Amino acid sequence: MTPLHRRSFLAAATSLLAAPFVFAHGSPRLILPLQGSASAVPTQPAARRRVLRCAHLTDIHVQPERGADAGLAQCLKHIAQQQPAPDLLLVGGDSVMDVFEAKASRAAALRRLFSETWSANCGIPVRHAIGNHDIFGWHRPKSGTTGQEPDWGKKYATELFAMPGRYYSFDQAGWHFVILDGVQPKGDSYCAFTDDEQLDWLRQDLRNRPKGSPVLVLSHIPILSLTAITYGKPRAVEKRGEDTTINAASMHTDGDMLHELFATEKVKLCLSGHQHLLDHCTTDGVAYICDGAVSGAWWKGLHQGVPEGYGLIDLFDDGTFEHRYVPYGWVVRG
């Protein structure tokens, strides 16, 4: 458990009120205020140009049960029908359900199911992040693994998703993209932070990116998010008067440190999932968006009122963006 600093929480909560979600026609839409300088004489803002449209899919949880493969296919077709269609898919992890505790035979079956479903229904370029459910065999007692299997651990995910590494970066359309790996081992379970090797790389990567390029960061577990507090059952009333704590598997335990780095390096947007919930907070000019899950409540319907869906993000040449959450109309199967 890690304490949530009051300063960070208040800053995030205040900015959340300043940039509210507006629900129209049953679809939550994020309205982001445009930034401008004050002047006694009104000036015409310079026209901005959209340079890239991305779809953010997270927590797909493909499995043979509950028609999950059909759900993924429906979601991918819905994305392709957007006008204009996205240029890039950002997949935020937990794409399979799940290999963390799975036997080798289940992990192999999920690999086939995901690969076949994806290749049959998607022709848009894609970049992946690793989620906790994508890591093969970390729970050794339940998975029966030894750790010596050729695809054990995160190698399963990097091979399945054709990733250059467990974390990496790339440039596209004038934006710099950083894909983080925030899932770290904790006994037979996991917690969320960036390890030392990755943190050193991250600092250097941001420092050496193309000069002036805006940055989008993708992680599975939120770096900062109010969903880490609102997820699940309300806290017991006897907690009043005590420090608020956040589960170390629900939000990055190094979120404050990462935020200071991101604010310094002018990171524009951090996307995450993991919570199957939807929120947006902005502080120090850095926006944090946690999108709902493609699988909703693990293919059982709404999760705390959030439907099955994906994020649709337009990136502009001036470093601004627009985001909306798009339900794709999945009907729960028995």
C-alpha atoms as a PDB file:
ATOM      1  CA  MET A   1       0.000   0.000   0.000  1.00  0.00           C
ATOM      2  CA  THR A   2       1.230   3.459  -0.739  1.00  0.00           C
ATOM      3  CA  PRO A   3      -0.007   6.819   0.612  1.00  0.00           C
ATOM      4  CA  LEU A   4      -1.753   9.171  -1.803  1.00  0.00           C
ATOM      5  CA  HIS A   5      -0.256  12.606  -1.308  1.00  0.00           C
ATOM      6  CA  ARG A   6      -2.894  15.217  -0.534  1.00  0.00           C
ATOM      7  CA  ARG A   7      -1.292  17.772  -2.859  1.00  0.00           C
ATOM      8  CA  SER A   8      -1.471  15.449  -5.875  1.00  0.00           C
ATOM      9  CA  PHE A   9      -5.017  14.353  -5.132  1.00  0.00           C
ATOM     10  CA  LEU A  10      -6.342  17.900  -4.735  1.00  0.00           C
ATOM     11  CA  ALA A  11      -4.654  19.089  -7.909  1.00  0.00           C
ATOM     12  CA  ALA A  12      -6.060  16.174  -9.886  1.00  0.00           C
ATOM     13  CA  ALA A  13      -9.536  16.483  -8.417  1.00  0.00           C
ATOM     14  CA  THR A  14      -9.679  20.228  -9.071  1.00  0.00           C
ATOM     15  CA  SER A  15      -8.709  19.813 -12.695  1.00  0.00           C
ATOM     16  CA  LEU A  16     -11.245  17.009 -13.103  1.00  0.00           C
ATOM     17  CA  LEU A  17     -13.994  19.468 -12.212  1.00  0.00           C
ATOM     18  CA  ALA A  18     -12.573  21.960 -14.670  1.00  0.00           C
ATOM     19  CA  ALA A  19     -12.688  19.492 -17.575  1.00  0.00           C
ATOM     20  CA  PRO A  20     -15.859  17.465 -16.989  1.00  0.00           C
ATOM     21  CA  PHE A  21     -17.198  14.441 -18.785  1.00  0.00           C
ATOM     22  CA  VAL A  22     -20.403  15.316 -20.609  1.00  0.00           C
ATOM     23  CA  PHE A  23     -22.730  12.442 -21.428  1.00  0.00           C
ATOM     24  CA  ALA A  24     -24.534  12.791 -24.756  1.00  0.00           C
ATOM     25  CA  HIS A  25     -26.661  10.086 -26.328  1.00  0.00           C
ATOM     26  CA  GLY A  26     -25.437   7.628 -23.713  1.00  0.00           C
ATOM     27  CA  SER A  27     -21.778   8.044 -24.716  1.00  0.00           C
ATOM     28  CA  PRO A  28     -19.375   9.786 -22.310  1.00  0.00           C
ATOM     29  CA  ARG A  29     -17.431  12.527 -24.067  1.00  0.00           C
ATOM     30  CA  LEU A  30     -14.440  14.342 -22.695  1.00  0.00           C
ATOM     31  CA  ILE A  31     -14.430  18.076 -23.354  1.00  0.00           C
ATOM     32  CA  LEU A  32     -10.966  19.585 -23.076  1.00  0.00           C
ATOM     33  CA  PRO A  33     -10.669  23.381 -22.708  1.00  0.00           C
ATOM     34  CA  LEU A  34      -8.483  25.088 -25.295  1.00  0.00           C
ATOM     35  CA  GLN A  35      -5.496  26.967 -23.940  1.00  0.00           C
ATOM     36  CA  GLY A  36      -4.950  30.612 -24.962  1.00  0.00           C
ATOM     37  CA  SER A  37      -3.305  33.769 -23.738  1.00  0.00           C
ATOM     38  CA  ALA A  38      -5.317  36.616 -22.222  1.00  0.00           C
ATOM     39  CA  SER A  39      -5.510  39.784 -24.292  1.00  0.00           C
ATOM     40  CA  ALA A  40      -7.524  42.993 -24.251  1.00  0.00           C
ATOM     41  CA  VAL A  41      -8.082  42.580 -27.999  1.00  0.00           C
ATOM     42  CA  PRO A  42      -9.629  39.275 -29.124  1.00  0.00           C
ATOM     43  CA  THR A  43      -7.365  37.395 -31.518  1.00  0.00           C
ATOM     44  CA  GLN A  44      -8.185  34.643 -33.950  1.00  0.00           C
ATOM     45  CA  PRO A  45      -6.568  31.389 -32.760  1.00  0.00           C
ATOM     46  CA  ALA A  46      -4.208  29.764 -35.216  1.00  0.00           C
ATOM     47  CA  ALA A  47      -5.766  26.838 -37.029  1.00  0.00           C
ATOM     48  CA  ARG A  48      -4.561  23.488 -35.784  1.00  0.00           C
ATOM     49  CA  ARG A  49      -4.293  20.386 -37.940  1.00  0.00           C
ATOM     50  CA  ARG A  50      -5.069  16.839 -36.910  1.00  0.00           C
ATOM     51  CA  VAL A  51      -2.020  14.725 -37.649  1.00  0.00           C
ATOM     52  CA  LEU A  52      -3.055  11.343 -36.223  1.00  0.00           C
ATOM     53  CA  ARG A  53      -6.139   9.512 -35.002  1.00  0.00           C
ATOM     54  CA  CYS A  54      -5.582   6.707 -32.467  1.00  0.00           C
ATOM     55  CA  ALA A  55      -7.878   4.171 -30.862  1.00  0.00           C
ATOM     56  CA  HIS A  56      -6.979   3.055 -27.351  1.00  0.00           C
ATOM     57  CA  LEU A  57      -8.095  -0.504 -26.559  1.00  0.00           C
ATOM     58  CA  THR A  58      -7.401  -1.940 -23.146  1.00  0.00           C
ATOM     59  CA  ASP A  59      -8.414  -4.910 -21.010  1.00  0.00           C
ATOM     60  CA  ILE A  60      -9.686  -7.043 -23.872  1.00  0.00           C
ATOM     61  CA  HIS A  61      -9.373 -10.271 -21.880  1.00  0.00           C
ATOM     62  CA  VAL A  62      -9.779 -12.623 -24.819  1.00  0.00           C
ATOM     63  CA  GLN A  63     -10.924 -16.071 -23.704  1.00  0.00           C
ATOM     64  CA  PRO A  64     -12.960 -18.905 -25.211  1.00  0.00           C
ATOM     65  CA  GLU A  65     -15.720 -18.271 -22.667  1.00  0.00           C
ATOM     66  CA  ARG A  66     -18.614 -15.756 -22.949  1.00  0.00           C
ATOM     67  CA  GLY A  67     -17.979 -15.043 -26.642  1.00  0.00           C
ATOM     68  CA  ALA A  68     -14.985 -12.844 -25.899  1.00  0.00           C
ATOM     69  CA  ASP A  69     -13.377 -13.500 -29.294  1.00  0.00           C
ATOM     70  CA  ALA A  70     -16.577 -12.351 -31.016  1.00  0.00           C
ATOM     71  CA  GLY A  71     -16.571  -9.289 -28.776  1.00  0.00           C
ATOM     72  CA  LEU A  72     -13.045  -8.371 -29.843  1.00  0.00           C
ATOM     73  CA  ALA A  73     -13.978  -8.879 -33.489  1.00  0.00           C
ATOM     74  CA  GLN A  74     -17.021  -6.616 -33.070  1.00  0.00           C
ATOM     75  CA  CYS A  75     -14.904  -3.940 -31.396  1.00  0.00           C
ATOM     76  CA  LEU A  76     -12.252  -3.993 -34.140  1.00  0.00           C
ATOM     77  CA  LYS A  77     -14.892  -3.710 -36.860  1.00  0.00           C
ATOM     78  CA  HIS A  78     -16.542  -0.825 -35.018  1.00  0.00           C
ATOM     79  CA  ILE A  79     -13.184   0.984 -34.870  1.00  0.00           C
ATOM     80  CA  ALA A  80     -12.563   0.443 -38.592  1.00  0.00           C
ATOM     81  CA  GLN A  81     -15.943   2.066 -39.362  1.00  0.00           C
ATOM     82  CA  GLN A  82     -15.049   5.348 -37.651  1.00  0.00           C
ATOM     83  CA  GLN A  83     -14.828   8.306 -40.018  1.00  0.00           C
ATOM     84  CA  PRO A  84     -11.992   8.759 -40.488  1.00  0.00           C
ATOM     85  CA  ALA A  85     -10.694   5.383 -39.384  1.00  0.00           C
ATOM     86  CA  PRO A  86      -7.800   5.467 -36.888  1.00  0.00           C
ATOM     87  CA  ASP A  87      -4.264   5.477 -38.213  1.00  0.00           C
ATOM     88  CA  LEU A  88      -2.937   3.627 -35.162  1.00  0.00           C
ATOM     89  CA  LEU A  89      -4.204   1.311 -32.448  1.00  0.00           C
ATOM     90  CA  LEU A  90      -2.709   1.572 -28.963  1.00  0.00           C
ATOM     91  CA  VAL A  91      -3.438  -1.598 -26.988  1.00  0.00           C
ATOM     92  CA  GLY A  92      -2.962  -1.073 -23.269  1.00  0.00           C
ATOM     93  CA  GLY A  93      -2.535  -4.621 -22.011  1.00  0.00           C
ATOM     94  CA  ASP A  94      -4.523  -7.461 -20.441  1.00  0.00           C
ATOM     95  CA  SER A  95      -5.266  -8.678 -23.945  1.00  0.00           C
ATOM     96  CA  VAL A  96      -5.723 -12.299 -22.821  1.00  0.00           C
ATOM     97  CA  MET A  97      -7.596 -13.793 -19.857  1.00  0.00           C
ATOM     98  CA  ASP A  98      -5.303 -14.801 -18.430  1.00  0.00           C
ATOM     99  CA  VAL A  99      -1.877 -16.405 -18.353  1.00  0.00           C
ATOM    100  CA  PHE A 100      -0.625 -15.050 -15.029  1.00  0.00           C
ATOM    101  CA  GLU A 101      -2.018 -18.103 -13.235  1.00  0.00           C
ATOM    102  CA  ALA A 102      -2.581 -20.353 -16.258  1.00  0.00           C
ATOM    103  CA  LYS A 103      -1.221 -23.758 -17.119  1.00  0.00           C
ATOM    104  CA  ALA A 104       0.902 -23.997 -20.270  1.00  0.00           C
ATOM    105  CA  SER A 105      -1.933 -25.562 -22.285  1.00  0.00           C
ATOM    106  CA  ARG A 106      -4.297 -22.667 -21.457  1.00  0.00           C
ATOM    107  CA  ALA A 107      -1.609 -20.119 -22.303  1.00  0.00           C
ATOM    108  CA  ALA A 108      -1.037 -21.768 -25.687  1.00  0.00           C
ATOM    109  CA  ALA A 109      -4.779 -21.825 -26.434  1.00  0.00           C
ATOM    110  CA  LEU A 110      -5.117 -18.138 -25.577  1.00  0.00           C
ATOM    111  CA  ARG A 111      -2.146 -17.299 -27.795  1.00  0.00           C
ATOM    112  CA  ARG A 112      -3.849 -18.994 -30.743  1.00  0.00           C
ATOM    113  CA  LEU A 113      -7.241 -17.440 -30.032  1.00  0.00           C
ATOM    114  CA  PHE A 114      -5.895 -13.915 -29.759  1.00  0.00           C
ATOM    115  CA  SER A 115      -3.664 -14.201 -32.830  1.00  0.00           C
ATOM    116  CA  GLU A 116      -6.377 -15.700 -35.035  1.00  0.00           C
ATOM    117  CA  THR A 117      -9.053 -13.229 -33.933  1.00  0.00           C
ATOM    118  CA  TRP A 118      -6.785 -10.218 -34.346  1.00  0.00           C
ATOM    119  CA  SER A 119      -5.365 -11.167 -37.758  1.00  0.00           C
ATOM    120  CA  ALA A 120      -8.845 -11.930 -39.130  1.00  0.00           C
ATOM    121  CA  ASN A 121     -10.384  -8.629 -38.051  1.00  0.00           C
ATOM    122  CA  CYS A 122      -7.730  -5.912 -37.978  1.00  0.00           C
ATOM    123  CA  GLY A 123      -5.625  -4.265 -40.668  1.00  0.00           C
ATOM    124  CA  ILE A 124      -4.668  -1.110 -38.745  1.00  0.00           C
ATOM    125  CA  PRO A 125      -1.092  -0.749 -37.426  1.00  0.00           C
ATOM    126  CA  VAL A 126      -0.891  -1.516 -33.713  1.00  0.00           C
ATOM    127  CA  ARG A 127       1.424  -0.965 -30.742  1.00  0.00           C
ATOM    128  CA  HIS A 128       1.040  -2.974 -27.533  1.00  0.00           C
ATOM    129  CA  ALA A 129       1.794  -2.569 -23.838  1.00  0.00           C
ATOM    130  CA  ILE A 130       2.009  -5.433 -21.347  1.00  0.00           C
ATOM    131  CA  GLY A 131      -0.725  -5.985 -18.771  1.00  0.00           C
ATOM    132  CA  ASN A 132      -0.547  -8.166 -15.674  1.00  0.00           C
ATOM    133  CA  HIS A 133      -2.764 -10.840 -17.246  1.00  0.00           C
ATOM    134  CA  ASP A 134      -0.386 -11.085 -20.234  1.00  0.00           C
ATOM    135  CA  ILE A 135       2.540 -12.332 -18.106  1.00  0.00           C
ATOM    136  CA  PHE A 136       2.836 -16.102 -18.247  1.00  0.00           C
ATOM    137  CA  GLY A 137       3.328 -18.126 -15.105  1.00  0.00           C
ATOM    138  CA  TRP A 138       4.279 -15.497 -12.529  1.00  0.00           C
ATOM    139  CA  HIS A 139       1.920 -17.184 -10.057  1.00  0.00           C
ATOM    140  CA  ARG A 140       3.940 -20.387  -9.962  1.00  0.00           C
ATOM    141  CA  PRO A 141       1.794 -22.377  -7.519  1.00  0.00           C
ATOM    142  CA  LYS A 142      -1.311 -22.034  -9.719  1.00  0.00           C
ATOM    143  CA  SER A 143       0.396 -22.102 -13.123  1.00  0.00           C
ATOM    144  CA  GLY A 144       2.653 -25.023 -12.291  1.00  0.00           C
ATOM    145  CA  THR A 145       5.580 -23.272 -13.969  1.00  0.00           C
ATOM    146  CA  THR A 146       9.219 -23.374 -12.924  1.00  0.00           C
ATOM    147  CA  GLY A 147      10.330 -20.110 -14.513  1.00  0.00           C
ATOM    148  CA  GLN A 148      12.524 -22.020 -16.994  1.00  0.00           C
ATOM    149  CA  GLU A 149       9.861 -22.278 -19.705  1.00  0.00           C
ATOM    150  CA  PRO A 150      10.994 -20.625 -22.989  1.00  0.00           C
ATOM    151  CA  ASP A 151       8.062 -18.197 -23.014  1.00  0.00           C
ATOM    152  CA  TRP A 152       7.840 -17.661 -19.246  1.00  0.00           C
ATOM    153  CA  GLY A 153       7.029 -14.257 -17.843  1.00  0.00           C
ATOM    154  CA  LYS A 154       6.888 -11.191 -20.062  1.00  0.00           C
ATOM    155  CA  LYS A 155       8.497 -13.004 -22.980  1.00  0.00           C
ATOM    156  CA  TYR A 156       5.083 -14.563 -23.672  1.00  0.00           C
ATOM    157  CA  ALA A 157       3.651 -11.073 -24.216  1.00  0.00           C
ATOM    158  CA  THR A 158       6.534  -9.557 -26.166  1.00  0.00           C
ATOM    159  CA  GLU A 159       6.451 -12.497 -28.595  1.00  0.00           C
ATOM    160  CA  LEU A 160       2.650 -12.658 -28.928  1.00  0.00           C
ATOM    161  CA  PHE A 161       2.327  -8.913 -29.507  1.00  0.00           C
ATOM    162  CA  ALA A 162       5.512  -8.592 -31.618  1.00  0.00           C
ATOM    163  CA  MET A 163       6.911  -5.962 -29.236  1.00  0.00           C
ATOM    164  CA  PRO A 164      10.517  -4.739 -29.590  1.00  0.00           C
ATOM    165  CA  GLY A 165      10.869  -4.997 -25.809  1.00  0.00           C
ATOM    166  CA  ARG A 166       8.843  -4.763 -22.622  1.00  0.00           C
ATOM    167  CA  TYR A 167       9.132  -0.955 -22.907  1.00  0.00           C
ATOM    168  CA  TYR A 168      10.008   1.129 -25.961  1.00  0.00           C
ATOM    169  CA  SER A 169       9.314   4.370 -27.806  1.00  0.00           C
ATOM    170  CA  PHE A 170       8.667   5.533 -31.358  1.00  0.00           C
ATOM    171  CA  ASP A 171       7.885   8.696 -33.305  1.00  0.00           C
ATOM    172  CA  GLN A 172       4.921   9.196 -35.601  1.00  0.00           C
ATOM    173  CA  ALA A 173       3.273  12.238 -37.176  1.00  0.00           C
ATOM    174  CA  GLY A 174       5.360  14.626 -35.103  1.00  0.00           C
ATOM    175  CA  TRP A 175       4.407  13.021 -31.762  1.00  0.00           C
ATOM    176  CA  HIS A 176       6.662  10.948 -29.520  1.00  0.00           C
ATOM    177  CA  PHE A 177       5.112   7.791 -28.059  1.00  0.00           C
ATOM    178  CA  VAL A 178       6.417   6.028 -24.954  1.00  0.00           C
ATOM    179  CA  ILE A 179       5.196   2.541 -24.023  1.00  0.00           C
ATOM    180  CA  LEU A 180       5.916   1.714 -20.383  1.00  0.00           C
ATOM    181  CA  ASP A 181       6.045  -1.551 -18.460  1.00  0.00           C
ATOM    182  CA  GLY A 182       4.739  -0.808 -14.972  1.00  0.00           C
ATOM    183  CA  VAL A 183       3.916  -4.360 -13.855  1.00  0.00           C
ATOM    184  CA  GLN A 184       6.515  -5.626 -11.397  1.00  0.00           C
ATOM    185  CA  PRO A 185       6.649  -8.878  -9.385  1.00  0.00           C
ATOM    186  CA  LYS A 186       5.615  -8.987  -5.733  1.00  0.00           C
ATOM    187  CA  GLY A 187       5.751 -12.533  -4.427  1.00  0.00           C
ATOM    188  CA  ASP A 188       3.278 -14.535  -6.491  1.00  0.00           C
ATOM    189  CA  SER A 189       1.419 -11.344  -7.364  1.00  0.00           C
ATOM    190  CA  TYR A 190       2.436  -7.932  -8.759  1.00  0.00           C
ATOM    191  CA  CYS A 191       2.601  -4.212  -8.031  1.00  0.00           C
ATOM    192  CA  ALA A 192       2.997  -1.108 -10.185  1.00  0.00           C
ATOM    193  CA  PHE A 193       6.116   1.001 -10.688  1.00  0.00           C
ATOM    194  CA  THR A 194       8.924   1.571 -13.201  1.00  0.00           C
ATOM    195  CA  ASP A 195      12.080  -0.378 -12.380  1.00  0.00           C
ATOM    196  CA  ASP A 196      15.465   1.376 -12.219  1.00  0.00           C
ATOM    197  CA  GLU A 197      16.657   0.209 -15.633  1.00  0.00           C
ATOM    198  CA  GLN A 198      13.483   1.426 -17.283  1.00  0.00           C
ATOM    199  CA  LEU A 199      13.461   4.715 -15.394  1.00  0.00           C
ATOM    200  CA  ASP A 200      17.003   5.528 -16.528  1.00  0.00           C
ATOM    201  CA  TRP A 201      15.986   4.720 -20.096  1.00  0.00           C
ATOM    202  CA  LEU A 202      12.831   6.840 -19.798  1.00  0.00           C
ATOM    203  CA  ARG A 203      14.693   9.931 -18.636  1.00  0.00           C
ATOM    204  CA  GLN A 204      17.171   9.610 -21.483  1.00  0.00           C
ATOM    205  CA  ASP A 205      14.470   8.847 -24.041  1.00  0.00           C
ATOM    206  CA  LEU A 206      12.443  11.948 -23.159  1.00  0.00           C
ATOM    207  CA  ARG A 207      15.551  14.102 -23.099  1.00  0.00           C
ATOM    208  CA  ASN A 208      16.694  12.855 -26.540  1.00  0.00           C
ATOM    209  CA  ARG A 209      13.377  12.833 -28.373  1.00  0.00           C
ATOM    210  CA  PRO A 210      12.936  15.098 -31.430  1.00  0.00           C
ATOM    211  CA  LYS A 211      13.050  18.657 -30.170  1.00  0.00           C
ATOM    212  CA  GLY A 212       9.657  20.089 -29.288  1.00  0.00           C
ATOM    213  CA  SER A 213       7.687  16.941 -30.100  1.00  0.00           C
ATOM    214  CA  PRO A 214       4.627  16.402 -27.869  1.00  0.00           C
ATOM    215  CA  VAL A 215       4.611  13.152 -25.893  1.00  0.00           C
ATOM    216  CA  LEU A 216       1.958  10.481 -25.378  1.00  0.00           C
ATOM    217  CA  VAL A 217       2.671   7.827 -22.729  1.00  0.00           C
ATOM    218  CA  LEU A 218       0.877   4.466 -22.707  1.00  0.00           C
ATOM    219  CA  SER A 219       0.854   2.265 -19.596  1.00  0.00           C
ATOM    220  CA  HIS A 220      -1.371  -0.560 -18.458  1.00  0.00           C
ATOM    221  CA  ILE A 221      -1.746   0.428 -14.809  1.00  0.00           C
ATOM    222  CA  PRO A 222      -2.602   4.114 -14.258  1.00  0.00           C
ATOM    223  CA  ILE A 223       0.206   6.451 -13.291  1.00  0.00           C
ATOM    224  CA  LEU A 224      -2.326   8.799 -11.648  1.00  0.00           C
ATOM    225  CA  SER A 225      -6.052   8.102 -11.540  1.00  0.00           C
ATOM    226  CA  LEU A 226      -9.059   8.699  -9.327  1.00  0.00           C
ATOM    227  CA  THR A 227     -10.242   5.191 -10.251  1.00  0.00           C
ATOM    228  CA  ALA A 228      -7.669   3.837  -7.798  1.00  0.00           C
ATOM    229  CA  ILE A 229      -9.918   5.285  -5.080  1.00  0.00           C
ATOM    230  CA  THR A 230     -13.364   4.704  -6.601  1.00  0.00           C
ATOM    231  CA  TYR A 231     -12.781   1.132  -7.821  1.00  0.00           C
ATOM    232  CA  GLY A 232     -14.766  -1.540  -6.001  1.00  0.00           C
ATOM    233  CA  LYS A 233     -16.574  -1.254  -2.678  1.00  0.00           C
ATOM    234  CA  PRO A 234     -16.616   2.025  -0.723  1.00  0.00           C
ATOM    235  CA  ARG A 235     -14.127   2.243   2.089  1.00  0.00           C
ATOM    236  CA  ALA A 236     -15.363   1.462   5.594  1.00  0.00           C
ATOM    237  CA  VAL A 237     -16.506   4.530   7.563  1.00  0.00           C
ATOM    238  CA  GLU A 238     -14.018   3.767  10.336  1.00  0.00           C
ATOM    239  CA  LYS A 239     -11.274   4.898   7.927  1.00  0.00           C
ATOM    240  CA  ARG A 240     -12.347   8.509   8.431  1.00  0.00           C
ATOM    241  CA  GLY A 241      -9.572  10.618   9.918  1.00  0.00           C
ATOM    242  CA  GLU A 242      -6.839   8.289   8.642  1.00  0.00           C
ATOM    243  CA  ASP A 243      -4.531   8.684   5.665  1.00  0.00           C
ATOM    244  CA  THR A 244      -5.997   7.607   2.349  1.00  0.00           C
ATOM    245  CA  THR A 245      -4.085   4.682   0.904  1.00  0.00           C
ATOM    246  CA  ILE A 246      -4.086   3.144  -2.550  1.00  0.00           C
ATOM    247  CA  ASN A 247      -3.437  -0.488  -3.390  1.00  0.00           C
ATOM    248  CA  ALA A 248       0.003  -0.868  -4.961  1.00  0.00           C
ATOM    249  CA  ALA A 249      -1.514  -2.910  -7.799  1.00  0.00           C
ATOM    250  CA  SER A 250      -4.100  -0.235  -8.690  1.00  0.00           C
ATOM    251  CA  MET A 251      -1.874   2.760  -9.442  1.00  0.00           C
ATOM    252  CA  HIS A 252       1.839   3.397  -9.899  1.00  0.00           C
ATOM    253  CA  THR A 253       3.562   3.711  -6.546  1.00  0.00           C
ATOM    254  CA  ASP A 254       6.028   6.073  -8.245  1.00  0.00           C
ATOM    255  CA  GLY A 255       3.247   8.188  -9.764  1.00  0.00           C
ATOM    256  CA  ASP A 256       4.390  11.410  -8.069  1.00  0.00           C
ATOM    257  CA  MET A 257       7.956  10.953  -9.309  1.00  0.00           C
ATOM    258  CA  LEU A 258       6.852  10.145 -12.851  1.00  0.00           C
ATOM    259  CA  HIS A 259       4.503  13.120 -12.843  1.00  0.00           C
ATOM    260  CA  GLU A 260       7.320  15.492 -11.922  1.00  0.00           C
ATOM    261  CA  LEU A 261       9.360  14.108 -14.824  1.00  0.00           C
ATOM    262  CA  PHE A 262       6.419  14.360 -17.221  1.00  0.00           C
ATOM    263  CA  ALA A 263       5.615  17.930 -16.176  1.00  0.00           C
ATOM    264  CA  THR A 264       9.246  18.930 -16.704  1.00  0.00           C
ATOM    265  CA  GLU A 265       9.407  17.240 -20.124  1.00  0.00           C
ATOM    266  CA  LYS A 266       6.039  18.663 -21.241  1.00  0.00           C
ATOM    267  CA  VAL A 267       4.312  15.298 -21.650  1.00  0.00           C
ATOM    268  CA  LYS A 268       0.815  15.976 -22.971  1.00  0.00           C
ATOM    269  CA  LEU A 269      -1.147  12.768 -22.409  1.00  0.00           C
ATOM    270  CA  CYS A 270      -0.866   9.526 -20.408  1.00  0.00           C
ATOM    271  CA  LEU A 271      -3.264   6.713 -21.345  1.00  0.00           C
ATOM    272  CA  SER A 272      -3.986   3.700 -19.145  1.00  0.00           C
ATOM    273  CA  GLY A 273      -6.553   1.024 -18.356  1.00  0.00           C
ATOM    274  CA  HIS A 274      -6.451  -1.842 -15.821  1.00  0.00           C
ATOM    275  CA  GLN A 275      -9.315  -0.442 -13.720  1.00  0.00           C
ATOM    276  CA  HIS A 276     -12.063  -1.015 -16.326  1.00  0.00           C
ATOM    277  CA  LEU A 277     -13.258   2.479 -15.351  1.00  0.00           C
ATOM    278  CA  LEU A 278     -13.226   5.876 -17.046  1.00  0.00           C
ATOM    279  CA  ASP A 279     -11.703   9.096 -15.762  1.00  0.00           C
ATOM    280  CA  HIS A 280      -9.646  12.125 -16.731  1.00  0.00           C
ATOM    281  CA  CYS A 281      -7.547  14.397 -14.596  1.00  0.00           C
ATOM    282  CA  THR A 282      -5.082  17.104 -15.600  1.00  0.00           C
ATOM    283  CA  THR A 283      -2.440  18.668 -13.393  1.00  0.00           C
ATOM    284  CA  ASP A 284       0.618  20.771 -14.283  1.00  0.00           C
ATOM    285  CA  GLY A 285      -0.399  20.500 -17.925  1.00  0.00           C
ATOM    286  CA  VAL A 286      -0.219  16.674 -18.022  1.00  0.00           C
ATOM    287  CA  ALA A 287      -3.487  14.877 -18.799  1.00  0.00           C
ATOM    288  CA  TYR A 288      -4.120  11.393 -17.394  1.00  0.00           C
ATOM    289  CA  ILE A 289      -6.918   9.382 -19.006  1.00  0.00           C
ATOM    290  CA  CYS A 290      -7.979   5.943 -17.812  1.00  0.00           C
ATOM    291  CA  ASP A 291     -10.249   4.369 -20.426  1.00  0.00           C
ATOM    292  CA  GLY A 292     -12.904   1.754 -19.845  1.00  0.00           C
ATOM    293  CA  ALA A 293     -12.389  -1.849 -20.932  1.00  0.00           C
ATOM    294  CA  VAL A 294     -13.162  -3.531 -24.238  1.00  0.00           C
ATOM    295  CA  SER A 295     -14.451  -6.376 -22.033  1.00  0.00           C
ATOM    296  CA  GLY A 296     -16.483  -4.164 -19.668  1.00  0.00           C
ATOM    297  CA  ALA A 297     -16.859  -6.210 -16.501  1.00  0.00           C
ATOM    298  CA  TRP A 298     -14.817  -9.097 -17.940  1.00  0.00           C
ATOM    299  CA  TRP A 299     -17.526  -9.792 -20.560  1.00  0.00           C
ATOM    300  CA  LYS A 300     -20.310  -9.764 -17.953  1.00  0.00           C
ATOM    301  CA  GLY A 301     -21.758  -6.311 -18.716  1.00  0.00           C
ATOM    302  CA  LEU A 302     -21.186  -2.799 -17.401  1.00  0.00           C
ATOM    303  CA  HIS A 303     -18.444  -2.245 -14.845  1.00  0.00           C
ATOM    304  CA  GLN A 304     -19.596   0.340 -12.295  1.00  0.00           C
ATOM    305  CA  GLY A 305     -21.710   1.902 -15.037  1.00  0.00           C
ATOM    306  CA  VAL A 306     -18.991   1.971 -17.709  1.00  0.00           C
ATOM    307  CA  PRO A 307     -19.905   0.072 -20.909  1.00  0.00           C
ATOM    308  CA  GLU A 308     -17.645  -1.991 -23.132  1.00  0.00           C
ATOM    309  CA  GLY A 309     -15.718   0.442 -25.322  1.00  0.00           C
ATOM    310  CA  TYR A 310     -12.501   2.106 -26.414  1.00  0.00           C
ATOM    311  CA  GLY A 311     -10.941   5.547 -26.440  1.00  0.00           C
ATOM    312  CA  LEU A 312     -10.768   7.567 -29.659  1.00  0.00           C
ATOM    313  CA  ILE A 313      -8.014  10.194 -29.625  1.00  0.00           C
ATOM    314  CA  ASP A 314      -7.221  12.868 -32.202  1.00  0.00           C
ATOM    315  CA  LEU A 315      -3.704  14.311 -31.987  1.00  0.00           C
ATOM    316  CA  PHE A 316      -2.970  17.762 -33.411  1.00  0.00           C
ATOM    317  CA  ASP A 317       0.160  19.452 -34.712  1.00  0.00           C
ATOM    318  CA  ASP A 318       0.135  22.033 -31.902  1.00  0.00           C
ATOM    319  CA  GLY A 319       0.441  19.376 -29.189  1.00  0.00           C
ATOM    320  CA  THR A 320      -3.245  19.381 -28.232  1.00  0.00           C
ATOM    321  CA  PHE A 321      -5.611  16.422 -28.402  1.00  0.00           C
ATOM    322  CA  GLU A 322      -9.261  15.457 -28.219  1.00  0.00           C
ATOM    323  CA  HIS A 323     -10.565  12.282 -26.594  1.00  0.00           C
ATOM    324  CA  ARG A 324     -13.896  10.541 -26.381  1.00  0.00           C
ATOM    325  CA  TYR A 325     -14.910   7.170 -25.050  1.00  0.00           C
ATOM    326  CA  VAL A 326     -16.841   5.073 -27.585  1.00  0.00           C
ATOM    327  CA  PRO A 327     -19.078   2.138 -26.570  1.00  0.00           C
ATOM    328  CA  TYR A 328     -19.343  -0.353 -29.426  1.00  0.00           C
ATOM    329  CA  GLY A 329     -22.667  -1.986 -28.533  1.00  0.00           C
ATOM    330  CA  TRP A 330     -21.667  -5.388 -27.151  1.00  0.00           C
ATOM    331  CA  VAL A 331     -24.557  -7.517 -25.904  1.00  0.00           C
ATOM    332  CA  VAL A 332     -23.644  -9.837 -23.032  1.00  0.00           C
ATOM    333  CA  ARG A 333     -23.766 -13.558 -23.715  1.00  0.00           C
ATOM    334  CA  GLY A 334     -24.569 -16.209 -21.185  1.00  0.00           C
END
